[in-house]
Amino acid sequence: MKMWVKKMNKHGMHLLHAGESVETAVPSQSTGSMNGNVARQVGGLVGAAVHAAMSKKQDGGAAPAGGMADTMPRGDAVYVVTDQRLAVITYTVLGGKPDELVGSYRYDEIAGVEAAKGRLASTVTVRFSDGSVGAFEVPRMAKPEKFVEVLESKIG
């Protein structure tokens, strides 16, 4: 988490509004991608069985479609809580530097947020004021619970 705040402050401030400050940030990946990574590492029939078993246990991803949730980026990105909004920023493959602003949500557009712990990653679920729900995975070592706590303080 601290690493991404540092990267944003050093290389990504041009992606934010003038005077905007970064409070916390976490890397994300599409829901279910951690399971796929584990299965690929194991490989073969055993890997396929591991992936199937892990997918059955997963809670995230099944949410009402449409609305604001459809604007949430898919794939690898960094979710950044600033003093003004929740920003979603892609990063470069080499060096991991902030690259492009791909999502921006005012705090009045977010109705709630929660994290469901998984074995390797937590699924962060964002409920929007229009009733739609989006989700993304955050590796457990990035402390998604702290991210949720900071974001909740902004919306609540």
N, C-alpha and C. Protein backbone atom coordinates (compact mmCIF):
# COMPACT_ATOMS: atom_id res chain seq x y z
N MET A 1 0.83 -1.18 0.00
CA MET A 1 0.00 0.00 0.00
C MET A 1 0.88 1.25 0.00
N LYS A 2 1.85 1.32 0.88
CA LYS A 2 2.74 2.48 0.94
C LYS A 2 3.52 2.65 -0.36
N MET A 3 3.90 1.53 -0.98
CA MET A 3 4.65 1.59 -2.23
C MET A 3 3.85 2.34 -3.30
N TRP A 4 2.55 2.07 -3.40
CA TRP A 4 1.72 2.69 -4.42
C TRP A 4 1.48 4.16 -4.11
N VAL A 5 1.35 4.51 -2.85
CA VAL A 5 1.21 5.92 -2.48
C VAL A 5 2.48 6.67 -2.89
N LYS A 6 3.62 6.05 -2.62
CA LYS A 6 4.91 6.66 -2.98
C LYS A 6 5.03 6.82 -4.50
N LYS A 7 4.65 5.77 -5.25
CA LYS A 7 4.72 5.85 -6.72
C LYS A 7 3.79 6.93 -7.26
N MET A 8 2.60 7.03 -6.68
CA MET A 8 1.66 8.07 -7.12
C MET A 8 2.22 9.46 -6.85
N ASN A 9 2.77 9.64 -5.66
CA ASN A 9 3.31 10.96 -5.30
C ASN A 9 4.52 11.33 -6.16
N LYS A 10 5.30 10.34 -6.55
CA LYS A 10 6.52 10.61 -7.32
C LYS A 10 6.26 10.70 -8.84
N HIS A 11 5.42 9.78 -9.36
CA HIS A 11 5.28 9.67 -10.82
C HIS A 11 3.86 9.89 -11.35
N GLY A 12 2.87 10.01 -10.47
CA GLY A 12 1.50 10.03 -10.96
C GLY A 12 0.68 11.27 -10.64
N MET A 13 1.28 12.29 -10.05
CA MET A 13 0.50 13.47 -9.67
C MET A 13 -0.07 14.20 -10.88
N HIS A 14 0.55 14.05 -12.04
CA HIS A 14 0.03 14.69 -13.26
C HIS A 14 -1.32 14.10 -13.68
N LEU A 15 -1.67 12.94 -13.14
CA LEU A 15 -2.93 12.29 -13.47
C LEU A 15 -4.08 12.77 -12.58
N LEU A 16 -3.75 13.50 -11.52
CA LEU A 16 -4.74 13.97 -10.56
C LEU A 16 -4.99 15.46 -10.75
N HIS A 17 -6.03 15.98 -10.08
CA HIS A 17 -6.34 17.40 -10.12
C HIS A 17 -5.26 18.18 -9.37
N ALA A 18 -5.09 19.43 -9.74
CA ALA A 18 -4.13 20.30 -9.05
C ALA A 18 -4.51 20.39 -7.57
N GLY A 19 -3.55 20.17 -6.70
CA GLY A 19 -3.77 20.24 -5.26
C GLY A 19 -4.36 19.00 -4.63
N GLU A 20 -4.68 17.99 -5.43
CA GLU A 20 -5.25 16.75 -4.91
C GLU A 20 -4.15 15.94 -4.23
N SER A 21 -4.47 15.34 -3.07
CA SER A 21 -3.46 14.56 -2.36
C SER A 21 -3.89 13.10 -2.23
N VAL A 22 -2.90 12.22 -2.30
CA VAL A 22 -3.13 10.77 -2.21
C VAL A 22 -3.14 10.36 -0.75
N GLU A 23 -4.19 9.63 -0.34
CA GLU A 23 -4.30 9.17 1.03
C GLU A 23 -3.94 7.70 1.18
N THR A 24 -4.36 6.89 0.22
CA THR A 24 -3.99 5.48 0.20
C THR A 24 -4.22 4.94 -1.20
N ALA A 25 -3.60 3.82 -1.50
CA ALA A 25 -3.73 3.21 -2.83
C ALA A 25 -3.42 1.72 -2.73
N VAL A 26 -4.13 0.93 -3.54
CA VAL A 26 -3.88 -0.51 -3.60
C VAL A 26 -3.89 -0.98 -5.05
N PRO A 27 -3.07 -1.99 -5.35
CA PRO A 27 -3.11 -2.59 -6.69
C PRO A 27 -4.33 -3.51 -6.77
N SER A 28 -4.89 -3.62 -7.95
CA SER A 28 -6.04 -4.51 -8.13
C SER A 28 -5.84 -5.39 -9.34
N GLN A 29 -6.68 -6.39 -9.42
CA GLN A 29 -6.73 -7.27 -10.57
C GLN A 29 -8.17 -7.72 -10.71
N SER A 30 -8.53 -8.20 -11.88
CA SER A 30 -9.90 -8.65 -12.11
C SER A 30 -10.26 -9.75 -11.13
N THR A 31 -11.54 -9.76 -10.71
CA THR A 31 -12.01 -10.80 -9.80
C THR A 31 -11.80 -12.17 -10.42
N GLY A 32 -11.19 -13.08 -9.67
CA GLY A 32 -10.93 -14.43 -10.14
C GLY A 32 -9.56 -14.64 -10.75
N SER A 33 -8.82 -13.58 -11.01
CA SER A 33 -7.52 -13.74 -11.67
C SER A 33 -6.47 -14.39 -10.77
N MET A 34 -6.58 -14.20 -9.46
CA MET A 34 -5.63 -14.84 -8.55
C MET A 34 -5.77 -16.35 -8.62
N ASN A 35 -7.00 -16.84 -8.71
CA ASN A 35 -7.23 -18.29 -8.84
C ASN A 35 -6.61 -18.82 -10.12
N GLY A 36 -6.76 -18.08 -11.21
CA GLY A 36 -6.18 -18.48 -12.48
C GLY A 36 -4.66 -18.52 -12.42
N ASN A 37 -4.06 -17.56 -11.74
CA ASN A 37 -2.60 -17.54 -11.59
C ASN A 37 -2.10 -18.77 -10.84
N VAL A 38 -2.80 -19.12 -9.77
CA VAL A 38 -2.41 -20.31 -8.99
C VAL A 38 -2.53 -21.55 -9.85
N ALA A 39 -3.64 -21.67 -10.59
CA ALA A 39 -3.86 -22.84 -11.44
C ALA A 39 -2.77 -22.96 -12.51
N ARG A 40 -2.38 -21.83 -13.10
CA ARG A 40 -1.32 -21.86 -14.13
C ARG A 40 0.01 -22.30 -13.53
N GLN A 41 0.29 -21.91 -12.31
CA GLN A 41 1.54 -22.29 -11.66
C GLN A 41 1.58 -23.80 -11.40
N VAL A 42 0.43 -24.34 -10.99
CA VAL A 42 0.36 -25.79 -10.72
C VAL A 42 0.38 -26.55 -12.04
N GLY A 43 -0.45 -26.11 -13.00
CA GLY A 43 -0.46 -26.70 -14.34
C GLY A 43 -1.24 -27.99 -14.46
N GLY A 44 -1.53 -28.37 -15.70
CA GLY A 44 -2.16 -29.64 -16.05
C GLY A 44 -3.53 -29.85 -15.43
N LEU A 45 -3.87 -31.13 -15.27
CA LEU A 45 -5.16 -31.50 -14.70
C LEU A 45 -5.27 -31.09 -13.25
N VAL A 46 -4.15 -31.17 -12.53
CA VAL A 46 -4.16 -30.76 -11.12
C VAL A 46 -4.46 -29.27 -11.03
N GLY A 47 -3.84 -28.48 -11.90
CA GLY A 47 -4.08 -27.04 -11.92
C GLY A 47 -5.53 -26.71 -12.22
N ALA A 48 -6.12 -27.43 -13.17
CA ALA A 48 -7.54 -27.22 -13.51
C ALA A 48 -8.43 -27.56 -12.32
N ALA A 49 -8.10 -28.62 -11.61
CA ALA A 49 -8.89 -29.01 -10.44
C ALA A 49 -8.75 -27.98 -9.32
N VAL A 50 -7.53 -27.47 -9.12
CA VAL A 50 -7.30 -26.43 -8.10
C VAL A 50 -8.11 -25.18 -8.44
N HIS A 51 -8.07 -24.77 -9.70
CA HIS A 51 -8.81 -23.58 -10.13
C HIS A 51 -10.31 -23.77 -9.91
N ALA A 52 -10.85 -24.92 -10.26
CA ALA A 52 -12.28 -25.19 -10.09
C ALA A 52 -12.66 -25.14 -8.62
N ALA A 53 -11.84 -25.75 -7.76
CA ALA A 53 -12.13 -25.77 -6.33
C ALA A 53 -12.08 -24.36 -5.73
N MET A 54 -11.08 -23.58 -6.14
CA MET A 54 -10.94 -22.22 -5.61
C MET A 54 -12.08 -21.33 -6.11
N SER A 55 -12.52 -21.52 -7.33
CA SER A 55 -13.59 -20.71 -7.90
C SER A 55 -14.91 -20.95 -7.18
N LYS A 56 -15.17 -22.18 -6.75
CA LYS A 56 -16.40 -22.49 -6.03
C LYS A 56 -16.47 -21.76 -4.70
N LYS A 57 -15.30 -21.53 -4.07
CA LYS A 57 -15.27 -20.88 -2.77
C LYS A 57 -15.32 -19.36 -2.86
N GLN A 58 -15.13 -18.83 -4.04
CA GLN A 58 -15.04 -17.39 -4.20
C GLN A 58 -16.40 -16.71 -4.06
N ASP A 59 -16.45 -15.60 -3.30
CA ASP A 59 -17.70 -14.88 -3.08
C ASP A 59 -17.93 -13.77 -4.08
N GLY A 60 -16.89 -13.08 -4.52
CA GLY A 60 -17.02 -11.85 -5.30
C GLY A 60 -17.46 -12.08 -6.73
N GLY A 61 -17.82 -10.98 -7.38
CA GLY A 61 -18.09 -11.02 -8.80
C GLY A 61 -19.55 -11.11 -9.18
N ALA A 62 -20.39 -11.75 -8.39
CA ALA A 62 -21.80 -11.88 -8.76
C ALA A 62 -22.55 -10.68 -8.22
N ALA A 63 -22.63 -9.63 -9.01
CA ALA A 63 -23.26 -8.39 -8.57
C ALA A 63 -24.17 -7.86 -9.66
N PRO A 64 -25.14 -7.03 -9.26
CA PRO A 64 -26.01 -6.44 -10.27
C PRO A 64 -25.20 -5.68 -11.31
N ALA A 65 -25.49 -5.93 -12.57
CA ALA A 65 -24.76 -5.27 -13.65
C ALA A 65 -25.42 -3.94 -13.99
N GLY A 66 -24.71 -3.15 -14.77
CA GLY A 66 -25.24 -1.88 -15.24
C GLY A 66 -24.78 -0.72 -14.39
N GLY A 67 -25.17 0.47 -14.79
CA GLY A 67 -24.89 1.67 -14.03
C GLY A 67 -23.41 1.97 -13.86
N MET A 68 -23.09 2.60 -12.76
CA MET A 68 -21.72 3.02 -12.46
C MET A 68 -20.75 1.84 -12.45
N ALA A 69 -21.20 0.69 -11.99
CA ALA A 69 -20.33 -0.48 -11.90
C ALA A 69 -19.75 -0.87 -13.27
N ASP A 70 -20.50 -0.63 -14.32
CA ASP A 70 -20.02 -0.95 -15.67
C ASP A 70 -18.85 -0.07 -16.09
N THR A 71 -18.68 1.06 -15.43
CA THR A 71 -17.57 1.95 -15.78
C THR A 71 -16.28 1.58 -15.05
N MET A 72 -16.36 0.62 -14.12
CA MET A 72 -15.15 0.20 -13.40
C MET A 72 -14.22 -0.54 -14.37
N PRO A 73 -12.96 -0.15 -14.41
CA PRO A 73 -12.01 -0.81 -15.31
C PRO A 73 -11.81 -2.28 -14.95
N ARG A 74 -11.59 -3.09 -15.96
CA ARG A 74 -11.27 -4.51 -15.77
C ARG A 74 -9.76 -4.66 -15.91
N GLY A 75 -9.20 -5.60 -15.21
CA GLY A 75 -7.77 -5.85 -15.33
C GLY A 75 -6.95 -5.12 -14.27
N ASP A 76 -5.66 -5.14 -14.46
CA ASP A 76 -4.74 -4.58 -13.48
C ASP A 76 -4.80 -3.06 -13.45
N ALA A 77 -4.89 -2.51 -12.25
CA ALA A 77 -4.94 -1.07 -12.05
C ALA A 77 -4.59 -0.77 -10.60
N VAL A 78 -4.54 0.49 -10.26
CA VAL A 78 -4.34 0.93 -8.89
C VAL A 78 -5.55 1.78 -8.50
N TYR A 79 -6.20 1.43 -7.40
CA TYR A 79 -7.31 2.21 -6.88
C TYR A 79 -6.72 3.18 -5.86
N VAL A 80 -6.95 4.47 -6.09
CA VAL A 80 -6.32 5.52 -5.30
C VAL A 80 -7.40 6.35 -4.59
N VAL A 81 -7.32 6.39 -3.26
CA VAL A 81 -8.20 7.24 -2.48
C VAL A 81 -7.47 8.57 -2.28
N THR A 82 -8.09 9.64 -2.78
CA THR A 82 -7.50 10.97 -2.61
C THR A 82 -8.40 11.78 -1.67
N ASP A 83 -8.03 13.00 -1.43
CA ASP A 83 -8.87 13.85 -0.61
C ASP A 83 -10.14 14.29 -1.33
N GLN A 84 -10.25 14.03 -2.65
CA GLN A 84 -11.39 14.48 -3.44
C GLN A 84 -12.23 13.37 -4.07
N ARG A 85 -11.63 12.19 -4.33
CA ARG A 85 -12.34 11.16 -5.08
C ARG A 85 -11.61 9.82 -5.00
N LEU A 86 -12.25 8.79 -5.59
CA LEU A 86 -11.61 7.50 -5.80
C LEU A 86 -11.18 7.49 -7.26
N ALA A 87 -9.89 7.39 -7.50
CA ALA A 87 -9.35 7.38 -8.86
C ALA A 87 -8.83 5.98 -9.18
N VAL A 88 -8.96 5.57 -10.43
CA VAL A 88 -8.44 4.27 -10.87
C VAL A 88 -7.43 4.56 -11.97
N ILE A 89 -6.22 4.05 -11.77
CA ILE A 89 -5.10 4.39 -12.65
C ILE A 89 -4.39 3.12 -13.09
N THR A 90 -4.14 3.01 -14.39
CA THR A 90 -3.35 1.88 -14.89
C THR A 90 -1.88 2.19 -14.64
N TYR A 91 -1.05 1.16 -14.77
CA TYR A 91 0.38 1.36 -14.57
C TYR A 91 1.16 0.61 -15.64
N THR A 92 2.41 1.05 -15.85
CA THR A 92 3.24 0.43 -16.88
C THR A 92 3.70 -0.95 -16.44
N VAL A 93 3.92 -1.83 -17.40
CA VAL A 93 4.37 -3.18 -17.10
C VAL A 93 5.79 -3.15 -16.54
N LEU A 94 6.64 -2.39 -17.19
CA LEU A 94 8.02 -2.26 -16.72
C LEU A 94 8.12 -1.08 -15.76
N GLY A 95 8.47 -1.33 -14.54
CA GLY A 95 8.63 -0.28 -13.55
C GLY A 95 7.40 0.04 -12.74
N GLY A 96 6.22 -0.33 -13.23
CA GLY A 96 4.99 -0.11 -12.49
C GLY A 96 4.65 1.35 -12.22
N LYS A 97 5.02 2.24 -13.13
CA LYS A 97 4.73 3.66 -12.94
C LYS A 97 3.29 3.97 -13.35
N PRO A 98 2.62 4.86 -12.61
CA PRO A 98 1.26 5.26 -12.98
C PRO A 98 1.24 5.75 -14.43
N ASP A 99 0.22 5.28 -15.19
CA ASP A 99 0.21 5.51 -16.63
C ASP A 99 -0.98 6.35 -17.10
N GLU A 100 -2.20 5.93 -16.76
CA GLU A 100 -3.38 6.59 -17.30
C GLU A 100 -4.54 6.53 -16.31
N LEU A 101 -5.26 7.64 -16.19
CA LEU A 101 -6.46 7.68 -15.37
C LEU A 101 -7.59 7.03 -16.17
N VAL A 102 -8.14 5.92 -15.64
CA VAL A 102 -9.17 5.18 -16.38
C VAL A 102 -10.52 5.15 -15.66
N GLY A 103 -10.56 5.71 -14.47
CA GLY A 103 -11.81 5.76 -13.72
C GLY A 103 -11.73 6.82 -12.64
N SER A 104 -12.86 7.47 -12.39
CA SER A 104 -12.91 8.51 -11.36
C SER A 104 -14.31 8.54 -10.76
N TYR A 105 -14.40 8.44 -9.44
CA TYR A 105 -15.70 8.39 -8.76
C TYR A 105 -15.69 9.37 -7.60
N ARG A 106 -16.66 10.30 -7.62
CA ARG A 106 -16.82 11.21 -6.48
C ARG A 106 -17.34 10.39 -5.30
N TYR A 107 -17.07 10.85 -4.10
CA TYR A 107 -17.49 10.09 -2.92
C TYR A 107 -19.01 10.03 -2.78
N ASP A 108 -19.74 11.01 -3.31
CA ASP A 108 -21.20 10.95 -3.24
C ASP A 108 -21.79 9.93 -4.22
N GLU A 109 -20.97 9.40 -5.12
CA GLU A 109 -21.41 8.36 -6.06
C GLU A 109 -21.22 6.95 -5.48
N ILE A 110 -20.53 6.86 -4.34
CA ILE A 110 -20.25 5.57 -3.71
C ILE A 110 -21.11 5.42 -2.47
N ALA A 111 -21.91 4.35 -2.41
CA ALA A 111 -22.81 4.13 -1.28
C ALA A 111 -22.16 3.27 -0.19
N GLY A 112 -21.22 2.41 -0.57
CA GLY A 112 -20.59 1.54 0.41
C GLY A 112 -19.46 0.74 -0.19
N VAL A 113 -18.64 0.19 0.69
CA VAL A 113 -17.50 -0.62 0.26
C VAL A 113 -17.22 -1.65 1.35
N GLU A 114 -16.79 -2.83 0.92
CA GLU A 114 -16.43 -3.88 1.88
C GLU A 114 -15.38 -4.80 1.26
N ALA A 115 -14.67 -5.51 2.12
CA ALA A 115 -13.66 -6.47 1.66
C ALA A 115 -13.98 -7.84 2.23
N ALA A 116 -13.98 -8.84 1.37
CA ALA A 116 -14.18 -10.23 1.78
C ALA A 116 -12.83 -10.93 1.65
N LYS A 117 -12.31 -11.42 2.77
CA LYS A 117 -11.00 -12.05 2.78
C LYS A 117 -11.02 -13.39 2.04
N GLY A 118 -10.02 -13.56 1.22
CA GLY A 118 -9.78 -14.84 0.57
C GLY A 118 -8.43 -15.35 1.03
N ARG A 119 -8.03 -16.48 0.52
CA ARG A 119 -6.75 -17.07 0.92
C ARG A 119 -5.56 -16.22 0.46
N LEU A 120 -5.57 -15.81 -0.80
CA LEU A 120 -4.46 -15.05 -1.36
C LEU A 120 -4.81 -13.59 -1.62
N ALA A 121 -6.09 -13.34 -1.84
CA ALA A 121 -6.53 -11.98 -2.16
C ALA A 121 -7.89 -11.73 -1.52
N SER A 122 -8.17 -10.49 -1.27
CA SER A 122 -9.49 -10.09 -0.79
C SER A 122 -10.26 -9.51 -1.96
N THR A 123 -11.56 -9.76 -1.97
CA THR A 123 -12.42 -9.17 -2.98
C THR A 123 -13.03 -7.90 -2.38
N VAL A 124 -12.73 -6.78 -3.00
CA VAL A 124 -13.28 -5.50 -2.57
C VAL A 124 -14.52 -5.23 -3.42
N THR A 125 -15.65 -5.01 -2.75
CA THR A 125 -16.91 -4.76 -3.42
C THR A 125 -17.30 -3.30 -3.18
N VAL A 126 -17.60 -2.61 -4.27
CA VAL A 126 -18.01 -1.21 -4.21
C VAL A 126 -19.47 -1.11 -4.62
N ARG A 127 -20.30 -0.57 -3.72
CA ARG A 127 -21.71 -0.34 -4.03
C ARG A 127 -21.88 1.13 -4.39
N PHE A 128 -22.47 1.38 -5.55
CA PHE A 128 -22.65 2.75 -6.02
C PHE A 128 -24.03 3.27 -5.65
N SER A 129 -24.18 4.58 -5.66
CA SER A 129 -25.43 5.22 -5.28
C SER A 129 -26.58 4.89 -6.23
N ASP A 130 -26.27 4.44 -7.45
CA ASP A 130 -27.33 4.05 -8.39
C ASP A 130 -27.79 2.60 -8.20
N GLY A 131 -27.23 1.90 -7.21
CA GLY A 131 -27.62 0.53 -6.90
C GLY A 131 -26.75 -0.53 -7.54
N SER A 132 -25.88 -0.16 -8.46
CA SER A 132 -25.01 -1.14 -9.10
C SER A 132 -23.83 -1.48 -8.18
N VAL A 133 -23.22 -2.63 -8.44
CA VAL A 133 -22.14 -3.13 -7.59
C VAL A 133 -21.00 -3.62 -8.47
N GLY A 134 -19.78 -3.23 -8.12
CA GLY A 134 -18.59 -3.69 -8.84
C GLY A 134 -17.61 -4.31 -7.85
N ALA A 135 -16.72 -5.15 -8.35
CA ALA A 135 -15.76 -5.81 -7.47
C ALA A 135 -14.42 -5.97 -8.17
N PHE A 136 -13.36 -6.02 -7.36
CA PHE A 136 -12.01 -6.28 -7.85
C PHE A 136 -11.23 -6.95 -6.74
N GLU A 137 -10.17 -7.65 -7.11
CA GLU A 137 -9.33 -8.34 -6.12
C GLU A 137 -8.13 -7.49 -5.76
N VAL A 138 -7.74 -7.58 -4.49
CA VAL A 138 -6.54 -6.93 -3.99
C VAL A 138 -5.72 -7.98 -3.26
N PRO A 139 -4.45 -8.15 -3.61
CA PRO A 139 -3.62 -9.12 -2.88
C PRO A 139 -3.63 -8.81 -1.39
N ARG A 140 -3.72 -9.84 -0.57
CA ARG A 140 -3.80 -9.66 0.88
C ARG A 140 -2.63 -8.86 1.43
N MET A 141 -1.43 -9.03 0.84
CA MET A 141 -0.27 -8.31 1.36
C MET A 141 -0.37 -6.80 1.14
N ALA A 142 -1.31 -6.33 0.29
CA ALA A 142 -1.51 -4.91 0.06
C ALA A 142 -2.45 -4.28 1.09
N LYS A 143 -2.92 -5.07 2.04
CA LYS A 143 -3.77 -4.60 3.14
C LYS A 143 -5.08 -3.96 2.66
N PRO A 144 -5.91 -4.74 1.98
CA PRO A 144 -7.17 -4.20 1.47
C PRO A 144 -8.11 -3.70 2.57
N GLU A 145 -8.02 -4.27 3.77
CA GLU A 145 -8.89 -3.84 4.86
C GLU A 145 -8.60 -2.38 5.24
N LYS A 146 -7.33 -2.00 5.22
CA LYS A 146 -6.94 -0.62 5.51
C LYS A 146 -7.47 0.31 4.42
N PHE A 147 -7.37 -0.12 3.16
CA PHE A 147 -7.90 0.64 2.03
C PHE A 147 -9.40 0.89 2.22
N VAL A 148 -10.14 -0.16 2.56
CA VAL A 148 -11.59 -0.06 2.77
C VAL A 148 -11.89 0.90 3.91
N GLU A 149 -11.11 0.81 4.97
CA GLU A 149 -11.31 1.68 6.13
C GLU A 149 -11.16 3.17 5.74
N VAL A 150 -10.12 3.48 4.98
CA VAL A 150 -9.89 4.86 4.54
C VAL A 150 -11.02 5.32 3.61
N LEU A 151 -11.40 4.47 2.65
CA LEU A 151 -12.46 4.81 1.72
C LEU A 151 -13.80 5.01 2.45
N GLU A 152 -14.10 4.14 3.41
CA GLU A 152 -15.34 4.28 4.19
C GLU A 152 -15.38 5.62 4.92
N SER A 153 -14.25 6.06 5.42
CA SER A 153 -14.21 7.34 6.14
C SER A 153 -14.53 8.51 5.21
N LYS A 154 -14.28 8.34 3.93
CA LYS A 154 -14.56 9.39 2.94
C LYS A 154 -16.02 9.41 2.51
N ILE A 155 -16.64 8.23 2.43
CA ILE A 155 -18.02 8.17 1.93
C ILE A 155 -19.04 8.25 3.05
N GLY A 156 -18.62 8.00 4.27
CA GLY A 156 -19.58 7.92 5.36
C GLY A 156 -19.59 9.10 6.21
